[in-house]
Amino acid sequence: MRVVALAAFLVIVFAPAALAESSMDAYPGPSGRRPGVFLVHGGWWSQGDKSDLTPIARRYAALGYAVFNVNYRLSGSARWPAQRDDVIDAIDEARAHPARYRFDPSRYVVIGFSAGGHLAAAVGVLNARPAGLRGIVGLSPVTSPDLAYRTGGRLRTAAIALAGCTPAVCPSTWRSMEPAEHAGEGDAPALMLHSAHEFVPADFSRPLITAEIRVFSGQAHSTRLYAQPRVARTVEHWIAAVLN
């Protein structure tokens, strides 16, 4: 593991990979042991970067949370479940060093955007998920790769690239990717937010029966949806409640 000290945060490489992947920006809590917020970027599982979420990470740091803005291996370099496992590794790193990050490992949430929302959901339903997870949030989450495949177009292409095969060729991989296949009563609470007319509508989250789904007007997707003040307030209030 490498730690690079910067002005306001640490860059943590939590797995033996290049700095651009399997890494996170960590914003330690202001003092003591603070509840944590893990952020997971979107980008079709094949692109995007934690820097896309830097303004949101700084916002949650300003609210007094310990914040971890995560990069994960993209589908062009690793197939499923590497992406989910990288998010878990990031959580494990933070939980292993609570003093370093001024982080309370018994209280944290994971917020994912678009494809990152799928990864957040996948962590939330995993039986072997790290302890202390209090909730997951998805902004336009592609919660169902199966529906992405059936929708076609770029969503289908992205989901096939994540799996490395079609559902007919590797059905067990596709079942593994589908959070609804693993959901149960003991899962962390989930809040999924979609726009009414975006290309990843609420239908993507409906199979996850444990999720609370909220739909907002318009067609904004992912970070653009979150940029709406009422959406950001909804997420902030929900997180404050589950971490209380």
Protein backbone atom coordinates (compact mmCIF):
# COMPACT_ATOMS: atom_id res chain seq x y z
CA MET A 1 0.00 0.00 0.00
CA ARG A 2 1.22 3.52 -0.84
CA VAL A 3 0.08 6.70 0.89
CA VAL A 4 0.59 10.08 -0.79
CA ALA A 5 -0.03 13.12 1.43
CA LEU A 6 -1.72 16.02 -0.34
CA ALA A 7 -3.07 19.31 0.90
CA ALA A 8 -6.49 18.11 2.05
CA PHE A 9 -6.55 14.34 1.62
CA LEU A 10 -4.55 11.15 1.16
CA VAL A 11 -4.32 9.10 -2.03
CA ILE A 12 -4.45 5.45 -1.00
CA VAL A 13 -3.54 2.54 -3.25
CA PHE A 14 -5.26 -0.41 -1.60
CA ALA A 15 -4.30 -3.17 -4.06
CA PRO A 16 -1.22 -4.01 -6.15
CA ALA A 17 -2.25 -2.06 -9.22
CA ALA A 18 -1.52 1.21 -10.95
CA LEU A 19 -2.33 4.44 -9.14
CA ALA A 20 -5.26 5.11 -11.47
CA GLU A 21 -7.07 1.90 -10.48
CA SER A 22 -7.69 0.24 -7.11
CA SER A 23 -7.11 3.51 -5.31
CA MET A 24 -9.07 6.09 -3.37
CA ASP A 25 -8.86 9.66 -2.17
CA ALA A 26 -9.33 9.64 1.59
CA TYR A 27 -10.52 12.71 3.47
CA PRO A 28 -10.01 11.90 7.17
CA GLY A 29 -12.70 13.04 9.56
CA PRO A 30 -12.13 16.33 11.38
CA SER A 31 -11.54 14.67 14.75
CA GLY A 32 -12.15 11.49 16.71
CA ARG A 33 -13.90 8.69 14.84
CA ARG A 34 -16.40 10.02 12.32
CA PRO A 35 -19.01 8.11 10.29
CA GLY A 36 -17.87 7.38 6.76
CA VAL A 37 -19.08 8.02 3.22
CA PHE A 38 -17.67 5.94 0.37
CA LEU A 39 -18.23 7.30 -3.15
CA VAL A 40 -18.17 5.13 -6.28
CA HIS A 41 -18.06 6.79 -9.70
CA GLY A 42 -19.97 5.76 -12.80
CA GLY A 43 -19.02 5.42 -16.46
CA TRP A 44 -20.48 2.25 -17.99
CA TRP A 45 -18.11 0.17 -15.78
CA SER A 46 -15.51 0.92 -18.48
CA GLN A 47 -14.54 4.55 -17.92
CA GLY A 48 -14.76 7.39 -15.42
CA ASP A 49 -12.59 8.30 -12.48
CA LYS A 50 -12.88 9.26 -8.83
CA SER A 51 -12.01 12.82 -9.82
CA ASP A 52 -15.53 13.05 -11.29
CA LEU A 53 -16.83 13.03 -7.70
CA THR A 54 -14.26 15.33 -6.08
CA PRO A 55 -16.76 18.19 -5.49
CA ILE A 56 -19.17 15.75 -3.83
CA ALA A 57 -16.37 14.24 -1.74
CA ARG A 58 -15.39 17.69 -0.52
CA ARG A 59 -18.99 18.46 0.34
CA TYR A 60 -19.31 15.41 2.58
CA ALA A 61 -15.93 16.12 4.13
CA ALA A 62 -17.16 19.62 4.94
CA LEU A 63 -20.19 18.05 6.61
CA GLY A 64 -17.84 16.28 9.01
CA TYR A 65 -17.72 12.77 7.54
CA ALA A 66 -14.65 10.68 6.83
CA VAL A 67 -14.86 10.41 3.05
CA PHE A 68 -13.39 7.83 0.67
CA ASN A 69 -13.63 8.47 -3.07
CA VAL A 70 -12.94 5.15 -4.76
CA ASN A 71 -11.45 4.08 -8.07
CA TYR A 72 -11.90 0.49 -9.19
CA ARG A 73 -10.62 -1.66 -12.03
CA LEU A 74 -12.56 -0.95 -15.19
CA SER A 75 -14.09 -3.61 -17.41
CA GLY A 76 -11.42 -3.09 -20.08
CA SER A 77 -8.78 -4.41 -17.69
CA ALA A 78 -10.71 -6.78 -15.41
CA ARG A 79 -13.99 -8.68 -15.51
CA TRP A 80 -16.64 -9.03 -12.84
CA PRO A 81 -16.42 -9.31 -9.83
CA ALA A 82 -13.18 -7.29 -9.76
CA GLN A 83 -15.09 -3.99 -9.61
CA ARG A 84 -17.20 -5.00 -6.63
CA ASP A 85 -14.20 -6.55 -4.92
CA ASP A 86 -12.21 -3.33 -5.31
CA VAL A 87 -14.94 -1.40 -3.52
CA ILE A 88 -14.86 -3.98 -0.72
CA ASP A 89 -11.06 -3.73 -0.56
CA ALA A 90 -11.35 0.04 -0.18
CA ILE A 91 -13.79 -0.41 2.71
CA ASP A 92 -11.52 -3.02 4.29
CA GLU A 93 -8.55 -0.65 4.07
CA ALA A 94 -10.48 2.12 5.80
CA ARG A 95 -11.82 -0.23 8.48
CA ALA A 96 -8.31 -1.58 9.17
CA HIS A 97 -6.92 1.90 9.92
CA PRO A 98 -9.65 3.89 11.68
CA ALA A 99 -7.18 6.11 13.54
CA ARG A 100 -5.40 7.10 10.32
CA TYR A 101 -8.67 8.17 8.72
CA ARG A 102 -10.44 9.35 11.89
CA PHE A 103 -13.20 6.97 10.85
CA ASP A 104 -15.80 5.00 12.78
CA PRO A 105 -15.79 1.56 11.08
CA SER A 106 -19.16 0.70 12.59
CA ARG A 107 -20.97 3.51 10.73
CA TYR A 108 -20.62 4.12 7.02
CA VAL A 109 -22.60 4.29 3.78
CA VAL A 110 -21.73 3.68 0.14
CA ILE A 111 -23.00 6.09 -2.53
CA GLY A 112 -22.73 4.98 -6.16
CA PHE A 113 -23.44 6.85 -9.37
CA SER A 114 -24.82 5.05 -12.45
CA ALA A 115 -22.59 1.96 -12.90
CA GLY A 116 -21.13 2.77 -9.48
CA GLY A 117 -24.65 2.52 -8.09
CA HIS A 118 -24.74 -1.07 -9.27
CA LEU A 119 -21.47 -1.73 -7.41
CA ALA A 120 -22.87 -0.12 -4.26
CA ALA A 121 -25.96 -2.33 -4.49
CA ALA A 122 -23.81 -5.40 -5.08
CA VAL A 123 -21.84 -4.67 -1.91
CA GLY A 124 -25.04 -4.05 0.04
CA VAL A 125 -26.51 -7.49 -0.69
CA LEU A 126 -23.31 -9.49 -0.26
CA ASN A 127 -23.49 -11.92 2.65
CA ALA A 128 -19.79 -11.43 3.31
CA ARG A 129 -19.90 -7.63 3.12
CA PRO A 130 -17.70 -5.72 5.58
CA ALA A 131 -19.28 -5.01 8.97
CA GLY A 132 -20.61 -1.56 9.77
CA LEU A 133 -22.44 -0.83 6.51
CA ARG A 134 -25.53 1.21 7.44
CA GLY A 135 -26.89 1.98 3.99
CA ILE A 136 -26.33 2.30 0.26
CA VAL A 137 -27.45 5.05 -2.10
CA GLY A 138 -27.68 4.89 -5.88
CA LEU A 139 -27.95 7.87 -8.20
CA SER A 140 -29.39 6.56 -11.49
CA PRO A 141 -28.00 3.14 -10.57
CA VAL A 142 -27.81 0.44 -13.24
CA THR A 143 -29.02 -1.92 -10.52
CA SER A 144 -29.97 -4.66 -13.00
CA PRO A 145 -27.32 -5.63 -15.57
CA ASP A 146 -29.87 -8.14 -16.88
CA LEU A 147 -32.24 -5.29 -17.73
CA ALA A 148 -29.32 -3.38 -19.24
CA TYR A 149 -28.72 -6.35 -21.54
CA ARG A 150 -32.39 -6.59 -22.46
CA THR A 151 -32.58 -2.82 -23.07
CA GLY A 152 -29.92 -3.09 -25.74
CA GLY A 153 -27.68 -0.42 -27.23
CA ARG A 154 -24.77 0.89 -25.20
CA LEU A 155 -26.23 -0.50 -21.98
CA ARG A 156 -26.12 -4.01 -23.42
CA THR A 157 -22.57 -3.52 -24.71
CA ALA A 158 -21.39 -2.24 -21.35
CA ALA A 159 -22.97 -5.09 -19.40
CA ILE A 160 -21.45 -7.71 -21.73
CA ALA A 161 -18.03 -6.08 -21.33
CA LEU A 162 -18.42 -6.25 -17.54
CA ALA A 163 -19.33 -9.94 -17.59
CA GLY A 164 -17.00 -10.89 -20.42
CA CYS A 165 -19.77 -12.94 -22.06
CA THR A 166 -23.47 -12.96 -22.81
CA PRO A 167 -26.07 -14.37 -20.39
CA ALA A 168 -26.45 -17.47 -22.56
CA VAL A 169 -22.75 -18.24 -22.35
CA CYS A 170 -22.10 -17.56 -18.65
CA PRO A 171 -25.44 -17.44 -16.79
CA SER A 172 -23.81 -17.88 -13.36
CA THR A 173 -21.74 -14.72 -13.88
CA TRP A 174 -24.86 -12.77 -14.80
CA ARG A 175 -26.67 -14.06 -11.71
CA SER A 176 -23.70 -12.97 -9.63
CA MET A 177 -23.90 -9.47 -11.12
CA GLU A 178 -27.62 -9.10 -10.32
CA PRO A 179 -28.11 -7.63 -6.80
CA ALA A 180 -31.78 -8.67 -6.73
CA GLU A 181 -30.69 -12.31 -6.94
CA HIS A 182 -28.95 -11.95 -3.56
CA ALA A 183 -31.20 -9.52 -1.69
CA GLY A 184 -32.61 -10.47 1.69
CA GLU A 185 -34.12 -9.09 4.86
CA GLY A 186 -30.74 -8.63 6.53
CA ASP A 187 -29.37 -6.32 3.83
CA ALA A 188 -28.39 -2.75 4.50
CA PRO A 189 -31.17 -0.25 3.69
CA ALA A 190 -30.98 1.16 0.20
CA LEU A 191 -32.13 4.42 -1.37
CA MET A 192 -32.27 4.52 -5.17
CA LEU A 193 -32.93 7.77 -7.01
CA HIS A 194 -33.80 8.15 -10.68
CA SER A 195 -35.15 10.78 -13.03
CA ALA A 196 -38.51 10.04 -14.57
CA HIS A 197 -37.29 10.29 -18.16
CA GLU A 198 -33.63 9.31 -18.05
CA PHE A 199 -32.09 6.37 -19.90
CA VAL A 200 -31.69 4.42 -16.62
CA PRO A 201 -35.22 4.78 -15.21
CA ALA A 202 -36.54 3.43 -11.92
CA ASP A 203 -37.35 0.10 -13.56
CA PHE A 204 -33.66 -0.73 -13.12
CA SER A 205 -34.04 -0.61 -9.34
CA ARG A 206 -37.48 -2.17 -8.94
CA PRO A 207 -36.18 -5.78 -8.91
CA LEU A 208 -34.26 -4.92 -5.73
CA ILE A 209 -37.23 -5.37 -3.41
CA THR A 210 -35.36 -4.08 -0.36
CA ALA A 211 -34.77 -0.66 -1.93
CA GLU A 212 -36.63 2.59 -1.33
CA ILE A 213 -37.04 4.23 -4.76
CA ARG A 214 -37.56 7.91 -5.34
CA VAL A 215 -38.22 9.40 -8.76
CA PHE A 216 -37.63 13.04 -9.70
CA SER A 217 -38.91 14.92 -12.70
CA GLY A 218 -36.74 15.46 -15.76
CA GLN A 219 -34.08 13.37 -17.45
CA ALA A 220 -30.90 14.21 -15.53
CA HIS A 221 -28.63 11.23 -14.97
CA SER A 222 -26.12 10.37 -12.24
CA THR A 223 -24.09 13.39 -11.10
CA ARG A 224 -26.41 15.72 -13.00
CA LEU A 225 -29.32 14.31 -11.05
CA TYR A 226 -27.39 14.76 -7.80
CA ALA A 227 -26.58 18.37 -8.78
CA GLN A 228 -30.23 19.26 -8.27
CA PRO A 229 -30.41 20.79 -4.77
CA ARG A 230 -33.52 18.86 -3.72
CA VAL A 231 -31.87 15.58 -4.71
CA ALA A 232 -28.66 16.35 -2.82
CA ARG A 233 -30.70 17.37 0.23
CA THR A 234 -32.70 14.13 0.04
CA VAL A 235 -29.50 12.08 0.04
CA GLU A 236 -27.83 14.09 2.79
CA HIS A 237 -30.85 13.82 5.08
CA TRP A 238 -31.24 10.09 4.44
CA ILE A 239 -27.58 9.45 5.17
CA ALA A 240 -27.68 11.50 8.36
CA ALA A 241 -30.66 9.43 9.54
CA VAL A 242 -29.13 6.00 8.87
CA LEU A 243 -25.78 7.00 10.39
CA ASN A 244 -27.32 8.52 13.51
